[in-house]
Amino acid sequence: MSQFEITHFEDRVEALIAAYRSLLSDYDALKKAHEDEQARNRETRERLNGVIERIRALEAEADNA
């Protein structure tokens, strides 16, 4: 291999490493966003279940009155 080819190879490897780091950063950000969304979904589900419980209690109270 000539010096030019080695330099080209090194440049390509450095570019690939930079791309990998960028993709890894993007992946971590997406993973965090997904975890946040799952937490919001759990919270919404819990709040909705609370509303449903209150509605059922009101219905039971209305049936007894």
Protein backbone atom coordinates (compact mmCIF):
# COMPACT_ATOMS: atom_id res chain seq x y z
CA MET A 1 0.00 0.00 0.00
CA SER A 2 1.29 3.40 -0.82
CA GLN A 3 1.25 6.26 1.68
CA PHE A 4 -1.66 7.89 -0.18
CA GLU A 5 -3.85 4.80 0.18
CA ILE A 6 -3.08 4.49 3.89
CA THR A 7 -3.95 8.13 4.46
CA HIS A 8 -7.19 7.68 2.55
CA PHE A 9 -8.00 4.58 4.60
CA GLU A 10 -7.29 6.41 7.88
CA ASP A 11 -9.51 9.30 6.82
CA ARG A 12 -12.31 6.91 5.95
CA VAL A 13 -11.98 5.11 9.31
CA GLU A 14 -12.10 8.45 11.15
CA ALA A 15 -15.21 9.45 9.17
CA LEU A 16 -16.87 6.15 10.02
CA ILE A 17 -16.04 6.56 13.71
CA ALA A 18 -17.49 10.08 13.66
CA ALA A 19 -20.65 8.79 11.97
CA TYR A 20 -20.91 5.99 14.55
CA ARG A 21 -20.61 8.47 17.42
CA SER A 22 -23.27 10.67 15.85
CA LEU A 23 -25.62 7.73 15.39
CA LEU A 24 -24.96 6.58 18.95
CA SER A 25 -25.82 10.06 20.23
CA ASP A 26 -29.01 10.10 18.15
CA TYR A 27 -29.91 6.63 19.44
CA ASP A 28 -29.41 7.70 23.06
CA ALA A 29 -31.60 10.77 22.51
CA LEU A 30 -34.34 8.66 20.90
CA LYS A 31 -34.11 6.08 23.66
CA LYS A 32 -34.53 8.82 26.29
CA ALA A 33 -37.48 10.32 24.40
CA HIS A 34 -39.10 6.88 24.19
CA GLU A 35 -38.62 6.30 27.93
CA ASP A 36 -40.14 9.72 28.65
CA GLU A 37 -43.10 8.94 26.42
CA GLN A 38 -43.64 5.60 28.16
CA ALA A 39 -43.60 7.37 31.55
CA ARG A 40 -46.18 9.90 30.30
CA ASN A 41 -48.33 7.03 28.97
CA ARG A 42 -48.18 5.25 32.35
CA GLU A 43 -49.14 8.46 34.14
CA THR A 44 -52.02 9.10 31.73
CA ARG A 45 -53.21 5.51 32.11
CA GLU A 46 -53.16 5.83 35.91
CA ARG A 47 -55.07 9.12 35.77
CA LEU A 48 -57.62 7.61 33.39
CA ASN A 49 -58.07 4.61 35.67
CA GLY A 50 -58.69 7.02 38.56
CA VAL A 51 -61.37 8.83 36.55
CA ILE A 52 -63.01 5.53 35.63
CA GLU A 53 -63.01 4.47 39.30
CA ARG A 54 -64.67 7.76 40.29
CA ILE A 55 -67.30 7.36 37.57
CA ARG A 56 -68.05 3.82 38.75
CA ALA A 57 -68.32 5.04 42.35
CA LEU A 58 -70.74 7.79 41.27
CA GLU A 59 -72.80 5.28 39.28
CA ALA A 60 -72.95 2.94 42.27
CA GLU A 61 -73.93 5.84 44.51
CA ALA A 62 -76.68 6.87 42.04
CA ASP A 63 -77.99 3.29 41.90
CA ASN A 64 -78.21 3.17 45.73
CA ALA A 65 -80.03 6.48 46.01
